[in-house]
Amino acid sequence: MTDKQYPRRAILKGALSSLAAIPVVALVGRADAAAAKVDPADAQAKALGYITDVAKIEASNTLYKAGSKCSNCAQWQGKPTDAEAPCGIFAGKIVAGNGWCKVYSKKA
């Protein structure tokens, strides 16, 4: 073992510096998560027919029911009034509240 002793002041300064860094790290993590939006050109989004605005749905789309959109879907993980929120289908990504995809299921 080493006989080196650390002054109490140095230990407390290190502990306080570490505690001060925790909120900064948390904010940086949130900023990265907020930037991950679903790209309609992404392979998964194309396969599920994801669009960012229900007003752009083609009349030939027989799966779409009037009034259905991401913000009232069972997979929506935000408040109904949120413009964007995470989706259970697109793990780790954000979808538009006014968007829609083929997996839409009305919230109970």
PDB file of N, CA and C in Angstrom:
ATOM      1  N   MET A   1       0.821  -1.189   0.000  1.00  0.00           N
ATOM      2  CA  MET A   1       0.000   0.000   0.000  1.00  0.00           C
ATOM      3  C   MET A   1       0.865   1.254   0.000  1.00  0.00           C
ATOM      4  N   THR A   2       0.268   2.314  -0.485  1.00  0.00           N
ATOM      5  CA  THR A   2       1.001   3.571  -0.467  1.00  0.00           C
ATOM      6  C   THR A   2       0.698   4.315   0.816  1.00  0.00           C
ATOM      7  N   ASP A   3       1.660   5.073   1.268  1.00  0.00           N
ATOM      8  CA  ASP A   3       1.487   5.840   2.498  1.00  0.00           C
ATOM      9  C   ASP A   3       1.067   7.278   2.206  1.00  0.00           C
ATOM     10  N   LYS A   4       0.751   7.535   0.956  1.00  0.00           N
ATOM     11  CA  LYS A   4       0.395   8.902   0.572  1.00  0.00           C
ATOM     12  C   LYS A   4      -0.998   9.227   1.104  1.00  0.00           C
ATOM     13  N   GLN A   5      -1.127  10.378   1.720  1.00  0.00           N
ATOM     14  CA  GLN A   5      -2.412  10.821   2.233  1.00  0.00           C
ATOM     15  C   GLN A   5      -2.878  12.020   1.405  1.00  0.00           C
ATOM     16  N   TYR A   6      -4.175  12.057   1.190  1.00  0.00           N
ATOM     17  CA  TYR A   6      -4.750  13.152   0.411  1.00  0.00           C
ATOM     18  C   TYR A   6      -5.407  14.144   1.365  1.00  0.00           C
ATOM     19  N   PRO A   7      -5.165  15.420   1.143  1.00  0.00           N
ATOM     20  CA  PRO A   7      -5.794  16.416   2.009  1.00  0.00           C
ATOM     21  C   PRO A   7      -7.317  16.420   1.824  1.00  0.00           C
ATOM     22  N   ARG A   8      -8.015  16.626   2.891  1.00  0.00           N
ATOM     23  CA  ARG A   8      -9.470  16.633   2.883  1.00  0.00           C
ATOM     24  C   ARG A   8     -10.011  17.674   1.904  1.00  0.00           C
ATOM     25  N   ARG A   9      -9.375  18.812   1.835  1.00  0.00           N
ATOM     26  CA  ARG A   9      -9.817  19.884   0.939  1.00  0.00           C
ATOM     27  C   ARG A   9      -9.778  19.432  -0.523  1.00  0.00           C
ATOM     28  N   ALA A  10      -8.745  18.717  -0.929  1.00  0.00           N
ATOM     29  CA  ALA A  10      -8.618  18.231  -2.316  1.00  0.00           C
ATOM     30  C   ALA A  10      -9.713  17.211  -2.635  1.00  0.00           C
ATOM     31  N   ILE A  11     -10.018  16.358  -1.685  1.00  0.00           N
ATOM     32  CA  ILE A  11     -11.072  15.350  -1.894  1.00  0.00           C
ATOM     33  C   ILE A  11     -12.428  16.032  -2.037  1.00  0.00           C
ATOM     34  N   LEU A  12     -12.718  17.001  -1.185  1.00  0.00           N
ATOM     35  CA  LEU A  12     -14.000  17.706  -1.254  1.00  0.00           C
ATOM     36  C   LEU A  12     -14.130  18.507  -2.554  1.00  0.00           C
ATOM     37  N   LYS A  13     -13.052  19.137  -2.998  1.00  0.00           N
ATOM     38  CA  LYS A  13     -13.102  19.887  -4.261  1.00  0.00           C
ATOM     39  C   LYS A  13     -13.396  18.952  -5.426  1.00  0.00           C
ATOM     40  N   GLY A  14     -12.770  17.783  -5.449  1.00  0.00           N
ATOM     41  CA  GLY A  14     -13.019  16.812  -6.516  1.00  0.00           C
ATOM     42  C   GLY A  14     -14.445  16.313  -6.508  1.00  0.00           C
ATOM     43  N   ALA A  15     -14.981  16.045  -5.313  1.00  0.00           N
ATOM     44  CA  ALA A  15     -16.364  15.559  -5.197  1.00  0.00           C
ATOM     45  C   ALA A  15     -17.353  16.623  -5.660  1.00  0.00           C
ATOM     46  N   LEU A  16     -17.135  17.865  -5.253  1.00  0.00           N
ATOM     47  CA  LEU A  16     -18.038  18.941  -5.654  1.00  0.00           C
ATOM     48  C   LEU A  16     -17.967  19.213  -7.158  1.00  0.00           C
ATOM     49  N   SER A  17     -16.800  19.116  -7.734  1.00  0.00           N
ATOM     50  CA  SER A  17     -16.656  19.304  -9.183  1.00  0.00           C
ATOM     51  C   SER A  17     -17.416  18.218  -9.938  1.00  0.00           C
ATOM     52  N   SER A  18     -17.344  16.992  -9.437  1.00  0.00           N
ATOM     53  CA  SER A  18     -18.057  15.885 -10.077  1.00  0.00           C
ATOM     54  C   SER A  18     -19.560  16.093 -10.000  1.00  0.00           C
ATOM     55  N   LEU A  19     -20.056  16.532  -8.855  1.00  0.00           N
ATOM     56  CA  LEU A  19     -21.489  16.778  -8.704  1.00  0.00           C
ATOM     57  C   LEU A  19     -21.964  17.912  -9.617  1.00  0.00           C
ATOM     58  N   ALA A  20     -21.138  18.918  -9.789  1.00  0.00           N
ATOM     59  CA  ALA A  20     -21.506  20.047 -10.639  1.00  0.00           C
ATOM     60  C   ALA A  20     -21.599  19.633 -12.105  1.00  0.00           C
ATOM     61  N   ALA A  21     -20.865  18.610 -12.506  1.00  0.00           N
ATOM     62  CA  ALA A  21     -20.852  18.181 -13.910  1.00  0.00           C
ATOM     63  C   ALA A  21     -22.075  17.343 -14.280  1.00  0.00           C
ATOM     64  N   ILE A  22     -22.759  16.760 -13.329  1.00  0.00           N
ATOM     65  CA  ILE A  22     -23.895  15.868 -13.623  1.00  0.00           C
ATOM     66  C   ILE A  22     -25.003  16.572 -14.410  1.00  0.00           C
ATOM     67  N   PRO A  23     -25.492  17.758 -13.995  1.00  0.00           N
ATOM     68  CA  PRO A  23     -26.549  18.407 -14.786  1.00  0.00           C
ATOM     69  C   PRO A  23     -26.108  18.759 -16.204  1.00  0.00           C
ATOM     70  N   VAL A  24     -24.862  19.108 -16.382  1.00  0.00           N
ATOM     71  CA  VAL A  24     -24.357  19.456 -17.708  1.00  0.00           C
ATOM     72  C   VAL A  24     -24.408  18.238 -18.621  1.00  0.00           C
ATOM     73  N   VAL A  25     -23.986  17.096 -18.123  1.00  0.00           N
ATOM     74  CA  VAL A  25     -24.011  15.860 -18.904  1.00  0.00           C
ATOM     75  C   VAL A  25     -25.450  15.482 -19.252  1.00  0.00           C
ATOM     76  N   ALA A  26     -26.373  15.664 -18.316  1.00  0.00           N
ATOM     77  CA  ALA A  26     -27.781  15.342 -18.571  1.00  0.00           C
ATOM     78  C   ALA A  26     -28.359  16.230 -19.671  1.00  0.00           C
ATOM     79  N   LEU A  27     -28.028  17.510 -19.667  1.00  0.00           N
ATOM     80  CA  LEU A  27     -28.530  18.418 -20.696  1.00  0.00           C
ATOM     81  C   LEU A  27     -27.984  18.070 -22.069  1.00  0.00           C
ATOM     82  N   VAL A  28     -26.734  17.691 -22.148  1.00  0.00           N
ATOM     83  CA  VAL A  28     -26.137  17.317 -23.426  1.00  0.00           C
ATOM     84  C   VAL A  28     -26.837  16.069 -23.977  1.00  0.00           C
ATOM     85  N   GLY A  29     -27.151  15.111 -23.119  1.00  0.00           N
ATOM     86  CA  GLY A  29     -27.851  13.901 -23.546  1.00  0.00           C
ATOM     87  C   GLY A  29     -29.226  14.211 -24.089  1.00  0.00           C
ATOM     88  N   ARG A  30     -29.942  15.128 -23.457  1.00  0.00           N
ATOM     89  CA  ARG A  30     -31.278  15.509 -23.935  1.00  0.00           C
ATOM     90  C   ARG A  30     -31.215  16.203 -25.288  1.00  0.00           C
ATOM     91  N   ALA A  31     -30.230  17.029 -25.491  1.00  0.00           N
ATOM     92  CA  ALA A  31     -30.090  17.747 -26.767  1.00  0.00           C
ATOM     93  C   ALA A  31     -29.886  16.760 -27.910  1.00  0.00           C
ATOM     94  N   ASP A  32     -29.112  15.718 -27.691  1.00  0.00           N
ATOM     95  CA  ASP A  32     -28.898  14.723 -28.730  1.00  0.00           C
ATOM     96  C   ASP A  32     -30.184  13.969 -29.033  1.00  0.00           C
ATOM     97  N   ALA A  33     -30.946  13.635 -28.002  1.00  0.00           N
ATOM     98  CA  ALA A  33     -32.183  12.887 -28.199  1.00  0.00           C
ATOM     99  C   ALA A  33     -33.212  13.727 -28.964  1.00  0.00           C
ATOM    100  N   ALA A  34     -33.251  15.023 -28.707  1.00  0.00           N
ATOM    101  CA  ALA A  34     -34.216  15.883 -29.363  1.00  0.00           C
ATOM    102  C   ALA A  34     -33.943  16.022 -30.851  1.00  0.00           C
ATOM    103  N   ALA A  35     -32.717  15.827 -31.273  1.00  0.00           N
ATOM    104  CA  ALA A  35     -32.352  16.016 -32.664  1.00  0.00           C
ATOM    105  C   ALA A  35     -32.703  14.822 -33.549  1.00  0.00           C
ATOM    106  N   ALA A  36     -33.032  13.675 -32.965  1.00  0.00           N
ATOM    107  CA  ALA A  36     -33.257  12.461 -33.735  1.00  0.00           C
ATOM    108  C   ALA A  36     -34.705  12.371 -34.216  1.00  0.00           C
ATOM    109  N   LYS A  37     -35.000  13.022 -35.343  1.00  0.00           N
ATOM    110  CA  LYS A  37     -36.336  12.965 -35.926  1.00  0.00           C
ATOM    111  C   LYS A  37     -36.380  11.882 -36.999  1.00  0.00           C
ATOM    112  N   VAL A  38     -37.549  11.306 -37.199  1.00  0.00           N
ATOM    113  CA  VAL A  38     -37.708  10.290 -38.239  1.00  0.00           C
ATOM    114  C   VAL A  38     -37.642  10.970 -39.598  1.00  0.00           C
ATOM    115  N   ASP A  39     -36.794  10.454 -40.455  1.00  0.00           N
ATOM    116  CA  ASP A  39     -36.666  10.949 -41.820  1.00  0.00           C
ATOM    117  C   ASP A  39     -37.627  10.147 -42.700  1.00  0.00           C
ATOM    118  N   PRO A  40     -38.587  10.800 -43.356  1.00  0.00           N
ATOM    119  CA  PRO A  40     -39.527  10.074 -44.212  1.00  0.00           C
ATOM    120  C   PRO A  40     -38.853   9.272 -45.321  1.00  0.00           C
ATOM    121  N   ALA A  41     -37.613   9.599 -45.664  1.00  0.00           N
ATOM    122  CA  ALA A  41     -36.880   8.865 -46.692  1.00  0.00           C
ATOM    123  C   ALA A  41     -36.173   7.633 -46.130  1.00  0.00           C
ATOM    124  N   ASP A  42     -36.177   7.474 -44.801  1.00  0.00           N
ATOM    125  CA  ASP A  42     -35.561   6.321 -44.156  1.00  0.00           C
ATOM    126  C   ASP A  42     -36.288   5.035 -44.585  1.00  0.00           C
ATOM    127  N   ALA A  43     -35.560   3.926 -44.662  1.00  0.00           N
ATOM    128  CA  ALA A  43     -36.133   2.665 -45.143  1.00  0.00           C
ATOM    129  C   ALA A  43     -37.334   2.214 -44.304  1.00  0.00           C
ATOM    130  N   GLN A  44     -37.215   2.294 -42.970  1.00  0.00           N
ATOM    131  CA  GLN A  44     -38.321   1.885 -42.106  1.00  0.00           C
ATOM    132  C   GLN A  44     -39.524   2.812 -42.297  1.00  0.00           C
ATOM    133  N   ALA A  45     -39.272   4.108 -42.369  1.00  0.00           N
ATOM    134  CA  ALA A  45     -40.359   5.070 -42.552  1.00  0.00           C
ATOM    135  C   ALA A  45     -41.070   4.847 -43.880  1.00  0.00           C
ATOM    136  N   LYS A  46     -40.320   4.568 -44.935  1.00  0.00           N
ATOM    137  CA  LYS A  46     -40.932   4.294 -46.247  1.00  0.00           C
ATOM    138  C   LYS A  46     -41.781   3.038 -46.201  1.00  0.00           C
ATOM    139  N   ALA A  47     -41.254   1.986 -45.550  1.00  0.00           N
ATOM    140  CA  ALA A  47     -41.986   0.721 -45.470  1.00  0.00           C
ATOM    141  C   ALA A  47     -43.300   0.876 -44.713  1.00  0.00           C
ATOM    142  N   LEU A  48     -43.319   1.779 -43.732  1.00  0.00           N
ATOM    143  CA  LEU A  48     -44.523   1.994 -42.932  1.00  0.00           C
ATOM    144  C   LEU A  48     -45.379   3.137 -43.467  1.00  0.00           C
ATOM    145  N   GLY A  49     -44.965   3.739 -44.567  1.00  0.00           N
ATOM    146  CA  GLY A  49     -45.740   4.819 -45.181  1.00  0.00           C
ATOM    147  C   GLY A  49     -45.801   6.074 -44.332  1.00  0.00           C
ATOM    148  N   TYR A  50     -44.762   6.340 -43.534  1.00  0.00           N
ATOM    149  CA  TYR A  50     -44.757   7.505 -42.655  1.00  0.00           C
ATOM    150  C   TYR A  50     -44.702   8.802 -43.452  1.00  0.00           C
ATOM    151  N   ILE A  51     -45.572   9.728 -43.074  1.00  0.00           N
ATOM    152  CA  ILE A  51     -45.539  11.084 -43.622  1.00  0.00           C
ATOM    153  C   ILE A  51     -45.609  12.067 -42.463  1.00  0.00           C
ATOM    154  N   THR A  52     -45.103  13.260 -42.659  1.00  0.00           N
ATOM    155  CA  THR A  52     -45.048  14.236 -41.575  1.00  0.00           C
ATOM    156  C   THR A  52     -46.291  15.102 -41.460  1.00  0.00           C
ATOM    157  N   ASP A  53     -47.163  15.065 -42.465  1.00  0.00           N
ATOM    158  CA  ASP A  53     -48.364  15.902 -42.452  1.00  0.00           C
ATOM    159  C   ASP A  53     -49.522  15.143 -43.087  1.00  0.00           C
ATOM    160  N   VAL A  54     -50.576  14.899 -42.310  1.00  0.00           N
ATOM    161  CA  VAL A  54     -51.717  14.128 -42.820  1.00  0.00           C
ATOM    162  C   VAL A  54     -52.425  14.821 -43.982  1.00  0.00           C
ATOM    163  N   ALA A  55     -52.217  16.123 -44.128  1.00  0.00           N
ATOM    164  CA  ALA A  55     -52.837  16.838 -45.246  1.00  0.00           C
ATOM    165  C   ALA A  55     -52.254  16.390 -46.585  1.00  0.00           C
ATOM    166  N   LYS A  56     -51.082  15.743 -46.553  1.00  0.00           N
ATOM    167  CA  LYS A  56     -50.426  15.305 -47.779  1.00  0.00           C
ATOM    168  C   LYS A  56     -50.748  13.850 -48.148  1.00  0.00           C
ATOM    169  N   ILE A  57     -51.663  13.214 -47.424  1.00  0.00           N
ATOM    170  CA  ILE A  57     -52.007  11.820 -47.731  1.00  0.00           C
ATOM    171  C   ILE A  57     -52.782  11.774 -49.037  1.00  0.00           C
ATOM    172  N   GLU A  58     -52.382  10.836 -49.880  1.00  0.00           N
ATOM    173  CA  GLU A  58     -53.039  10.675 -51.175  1.00  0.00           C
ATOM    174  C   GLU A  58     -54.435  10.066 -50.997  1.00  0.00           C
ATOM    175  N   ALA A  59     -55.360  10.459 -51.818  1.00  0.00           N
ATOM    176  CA  ALA A  59     -56.728   9.953 -51.748  1.00  0.00           C
ATOM    177  C   ALA A  59     -56.785   8.450 -51.983  1.00  0.00           C
ATOM    178  N   SER A  60     -55.798   7.908 -52.669  1.00  0.00           N
ATOM    179  CA  SER A  60     -55.781   6.474 -52.961  1.00  0.00           C
ATOM    180  C   SER A  60     -55.365   5.626 -51.753  1.00  0.00           C
ATOM    181  N   ASN A  61     -54.932   6.256 -50.662  1.00  0.00           N
ATOM    182  CA  ASN A  61     -54.508   5.520 -49.470  1.00  0.00           C
ATOM    183  C   ASN A  61     -55.739   5.044 -48.704  1.00  0.00           C
ATOM    184  N   THR A  62     -56.096   3.789 -48.863  1.00  0.00           N
ATOM    185  CA  THR A  62     -57.308   3.243 -48.240  1.00  0.00           C
ATOM    186  C   THR A  62     -57.107   2.917 -46.761  1.00  0.00           C
ATOM    187  N   LEU A  63     -55.874   2.888 -46.278  1.00  0.00           N
ATOM    188  CA  LEU A  63     -55.621   2.591 -44.870  1.00  0.00           C
ATOM    189  C   LEU A  63     -55.893   3.785 -43.968  1.00  0.00           C
ATOM    190  N   TYR A  64     -55.813   4.989 -44.521  1.00  0.00           N
ATOM    191  CA  TYR A  64     -55.995   6.200 -43.727  1.00  0.00           C
ATOM    192  C   TYR A  64     -57.469   6.429 -43.417  1.00  0.00           C
ATOM    193  N   LYS A  65     -57.741   6.690 -42.142  1.00  0.00           N
ATOM    194  CA  LYS A  65     -59.090   7.063 -41.704  1.00  0.00           C
ATOM    195  C   LYS A  65     -59.056   8.530 -41.286  1.00  0.00           C
ATOM    196  N   ALA A  66     -60.061   9.280 -41.661  1.00  0.00           N
ATOM    197  CA  ALA A  66     -60.108  10.712 -41.357  1.00  0.00           C
ATOM    198  C   ALA A  66     -59.929  10.947 -39.858  1.00  0.00           C
ATOM    199  N   GLY A  67     -59.112  11.916 -39.513  1.00  0.00           N
ATOM    200  CA  GLY A  67     -58.886  12.281 -38.125  1.00  0.00           C
ATOM    201  C   GLY A  67     -57.741  11.525 -37.457  1.00  0.00           C
ATOM    202  N   SER A  68     -57.213  10.510 -38.103  1.00  0.00           N
ATOM    203  CA  SER A  68     -56.106   9.768 -37.496  1.00  0.00           C
ATOM    204  C   SER A  68     -54.789  10.475 -37.770  1.00  0.00           C
ATOM    205  N   LYS A  69     -53.983  10.587 -36.739  1.00  0.00           N
ATOM    206  CA  LYS A  69     -52.653  11.189 -36.842  1.00  0.00           C
ATOM    207  C   LYS A  69     -51.826  10.717 -35.650  1.00  0.00           C
ATOM    208  N   CYS A  70     -50.544  10.939 -35.711  1.00  0.00           N
ATOM    209  CA  CYS A  70     -49.625  10.428 -34.689  1.00  0.00           C
ATOM    210  C   CYS A  70     -50.016  10.842 -33.270  1.00  0.00           C
ATOM    211  N   SER A  71     -50.467  12.070 -33.085  1.00  0.00           N
ATOM    212  CA  SER A  71     -50.742  12.560 -31.732  1.00  0.00           C
ATOM    213  C   SER A  71     -51.938  11.889 -31.071  1.00  0.00           C
ATOM    214  N   ASN A  72     -52.758  11.128 -31.817  1.00  0.00           N
ATOM    215  CA  ASN A  72     -53.842  10.374 -31.173  1.00  0.00           C
ATOM    216  C   ASN A  72     -53.704   8.867 -31.413  1.00  0.00           C
ATOM    217  N   CYS A  73     -52.465   8.436 -31.660  1.00  0.00           N
ATOM    218  CA  CYS A  73     -52.137   7.020 -31.871  1.00  0.00           C
ATOM    219  C   CYS A  73     -51.714   6.380 -30.547  1.00  0.00           C
ATOM    220  N   ALA A  74     -51.921   5.084 -30.406  1.00  0.00           N
ATOM    221  CA  ALA A  74     -51.529   4.352 -29.199  1.00  0.00           C
ATOM    222  C   ALA A  74     -50.016   4.329 -29.009  1.00  0.00           C
ATOM    223  N   GLN A  75     -49.249   4.476 -30.091  1.00  0.00           N
ATOM    224  CA  GLN A  75     -47.789   4.444 -30.007  1.00  0.00           C
ATOM    225  C   GLN A  75     -47.184   5.795 -29.616  1.00  0.00           C
ATOM    226  N   TRP A  76     -47.979   6.855 -29.626  1.00  0.00           N
ATOM    227  CA  TRP A  76     -47.526   8.218 -29.310  1.00  0.00           C
ATOM    228  C   TRP A  76     -47.118   8.277 -27.845  1.00  0.00           C
ATOM    229  N   GLN A  77     -45.936   8.797 -27.546  1.00  0.00           N
ATOM    230  CA  GLN A  77     -45.428   8.833 -26.179  1.00  0.00           C
ATOM    231  C   GLN A  77     -45.353  10.237 -25.606  1.00  0.00           C
ATOM    232  N   GLY A  78     -46.099  11.146 -26.191  1.00  0.00           N
ATOM    233  CA  GLY A  78     -46.123  12.519 -25.696  1.00  0.00           C
ATOM    234  C   GLY A  78     -47.535  12.908 -25.305  1.00  0.00           C
ATOM    235  N   LYS A  79     -47.721  14.186 -25.023  1.00  0.00           N
ATOM    236  CA  LYS A  79     -49.056  14.714 -24.741  1.00  0.00           C
ATOM    237  C   LYS A  79     -49.771  14.907 -26.073  1.00  0.00           C
ATOM    238  N   PRO A  80     -51.097  14.818 -26.092  1.00  0.00           N
ATOM    239  CA  PRO A  80     -51.826  15.006 -27.353  1.00  0.00           C
ATOM    240  C   PRO A  80     -51.594  16.378 -27.995  1.00  0.00           C
ATOM    241  N   THR A  81     -51.189  17.356 -27.204  1.00  0.00           N
ATOM    242  CA  THR A  81     -50.979  18.707 -27.730  1.00  0.00           C
ATOM    243  C   THR A  81     -49.542  18.961 -28.198  1.00  0.00           C
ATOM    244  N   ASP A  82     -48.634  18.007 -27.977  1.00  0.00           N
ATOM    245  CA  ASP A  82     -47.237  18.180 -28.389  1.00  0.00           C
ATOM    246  C   ASP A  82     -47.117  18.180 -29.916  1.00  0.00           C
ATOM    247  N   ALA A  83     -46.261  19.040 -30.443  1.00  0.00           N
ATOM    248  CA  ALA A  83     -46.017  19.090 -31.888  1.00  0.00           C
ATOM    249  C   ALA A  83     -45.174  17.914 -32.338  1.00  0.00           C
ATOM    250  N   GLU A  84     -44.270  17.447 -31.479  1.00  0.00           N
ATOM    251  CA  GLU A  84     -43.403  16.303 -31.772  1.00  0.00           C
ATOM    252  C   GLU A  84     -43.208  15.504 -30.494  1.00  0.00           C
ATOM    253  N   ALA A  85     -43.022  14.192 -30.633  1.00  0.00           N
ATOM    254  CA  ALA A  85     -42.788  13.339 -29.464  1.00  0.00           C
ATOM    255  C   ALA A  85     -42.226  12.007 -29.927  1.00  0.00           C
ATOM    256  N   PRO A  86     -41.675  11.223 -28.998  1.00  0.00           N
ATOM    257  CA  PRO A  86     -41.187   9.889 -29.352  1.00  0.00           C
ATOM    258  C   PRO A  86     -42.337   8.969 -29.753  1.00  0.00           C
ATOM    259  N   CYS A  87     -41.999   7.956 -30.545  1.00  0.00           N
ATOM    260  CA  CYS A  87     -42.981   6.976 -31.019  1.00  0.00           C
ATOM    261  C   CYS A  87     -42.484   5.577 -30.670  1.00  0.00           C
ATOM    262  N   GLY A  88     -43.381   4.697 -30.259  1.00  0.00           N
ATOM    263  CA  GLY A  88     -43.022   3.328 -29.921  1.00  0.00           C
ATOM    264  C   GLY A  88     -42.573   2.515 -31.118  1.00  0.00           C
ATOM    265  N   ILE A  89     -42.992   2.879 -32.308  1.00  0.00           N
ATOM    266  CA  ILE A  89     -42.615   2.156 -33.522  1.00  0.00           C
ATOM    267  C   ILE A  89     -41.203   2.547 -33.963  1.00  0.00           C
ATOM    268  N   PHE A  90     -40.919   3.836 -33.973  1.00  0.00           N
ATOM    269  CA  PHE A  90     -39.604   4.342 -34.383  1.00  0.00           C
ATOM    270  C   PHE A  90     -38.773   4.568 -33.121  1.00  0.00           C
ATOM    271  N   ALA A  91     -38.233   3.518 -32.559  1.00  0.00           N
ATOM    272  CA  ALA A  91     -37.524   3.566 -31.279  1.00  0.00           C
ATOM    273  C   ALA A  91     -36.397   4.596 -31.277  1.00  0.00           C
ATOM    274  N   GLY A  92     -36.422   5.455 -30.256  1.00  0.00           N
ATOM    275  CA  GLY A  92     -35.377   6.450 -30.095  1.00  0.00           C
ATOM    276  C   GLY A  92     -35.477   7.633 -31.026  1.00  0.00           C
ATOM    277  N   LYS A  93     -36.576   7.748 -31.755  1.00  0.00           N
ATOM    278  CA  LYS A  93     -36.727   8.867 -32.699  1.00  0.00           C
ATOM    279  C   LYS A  93     -38.023   9.620 -32.420  1.00  0.00           C
ATOM    280  N   ILE A  94     -38.087  10.825 -32.948  1.00  0.00           N
ATOM    281  CA  ILE A  94     -39.222  11.721 -32.743  1.00  0.00           C
ATOM    282  C   ILE A  94     -40.053  11.778 -34.024  1.00  0.00           C
ATOM    283  N   VAL A  95     -41.375  11.776 -33.868  1.00  0.00           N
ATOM    284  CA  VAL A  95     -42.269  11.900 -35.019  1.00  0.00           C
ATOM    285  C   VAL A  95     -43.100  13.173 -34.872  1.00  0.00           C
ATOM    286  N   ALA A  96     -43.657  13.627 -35.969  1.00  0.00           N
ATOM    287  CA  ALA A  96     -44.505  14.820 -35.975  1.00  0.00           C
ATOM    288  C   ALA A  96     -45.896  14.460 -35.454  1.00  0.00           C
ATOM    289  N   GLY A  97     -46.459  15.314 -34.626  1.00  0.00           N
ATOM    290  CA  GLY A  97     -47.801  15.070 -34.091  1.00  0.00           C
ATOM    291  C   GLY A  97     -48.850  15.021 -35.176  1.00  0.00           C
ATOM    292  N   ASN A  98     -48.617  15.715 -36.254  1.00  0.00           N
ATOM    293  CA  ASN A  98     -49.557  15.758 -37.368  1.00  0.00           C
ATOM    294  C   ASN A  98     -49.200  14.728 -38.438  1.00  0.00           C
ATOM    295  N   GLY A  99     -48.261  13.815 -38.105  1.00  0.00           N
ATOM    296  CA  GLY A  99     -47.850  12.782 -39.048  1.00  0.00           C
ATOM    297  C   GLY A  99     -48.775  11.571 -39.009  1.00  0.00           C
ATOM    298  N   TRP A 100     -48.436  10.544 -39.781  1.00  0.00           N
ATOM    299  CA  TRP A 100     -49.227   9.314 -39.847  1.00  0.00           C
ATOM    300  C   TRP A 100     -48.408   8.195 -40.460  1.00  0.00           C
ATOM    301  N   CYS A 101     -48.701   6.945 -40.096  1.00  0.00           N
ATOM    302  CA  CYS A 101     -48.091   5.787 -40.743  1.00  0.00           C
ATOM    303  C   CYS A 101     -49.085   4.622 -40.744  1.00  0.00           C
ATOM    304  N   LYS A 102     -48.735   3.562 -41.440  1.00  0.00           N
ATOM    305  CA  LYS A 102     -49.624   2.400 -41.595  1.00  0.00           C
ATOM    306  C   LYS A 102     -49.879   1.649 -40.300  1.00  0.00           C
ATOM    307  N   VAL A 103     -49.052   1.862 -39.293  1.00  0.00           N
ATOM    308  CA  VAL A 103     -49.192   1.139 -38.023  1.00  0.00           C
ATOM    309  C   VAL A 103     -50.157   1.878 -37.085  1.00  0.00           C
ATOM    310  N   TYR A 104     -50.740   2.962 -37.534  1.00  0.00           N
ATOM    311  CA  TYR A 104     -51.630   3.770 -36.695  1.00  0.00           C
ATOM    312  C   TYR A 104     -52.694   2.895 -36.020  1.00  0.00           C
ATOM    313  N   SER A 105     -52.857   3.131 -34.723  1.00  0.00           N
ATOM    314  CA  SER A 105     -53.886   2.449 -33.934  1.00  0.00           C
ATOM    315  C   SER A 105     -54.441   3.474 -32.957  1.00  0.00           C
ATOM    316  N   LYS A 106     -55.726   3.726 -33.024  1.00  0.00           N
ATOM    317  CA  LYS A 106     -56.328   4.775 -32.209  1.00  0.00           C
ATOM    318  C   LYS A 106     -56.104   4.498 -30.729  1.00  0.00           C
ATOM    319  N   LYS A 107     -55.744   5.558 -30.002  1.00  0.00           N
ATOM    320  CA  LYS A 107     -55.506   5.470 -28.565  1.00  0.00           C
ATOM    321  C   LYS A 107     -56.835   5.165 -27.874  1.00  0.00           C
ATOM    322  N   ALA A 108     -56.796   4.260 -26.914  1.00  0.00           N
ATOM    323  CA  ALA A 108     -58.028   3.878 -26.189  1.00  0.00           C
ATOM    324  C   ALA A 108     -58.536   4.974 -25.304  1.00  0.00           C
TER     325      ALA A 108
END
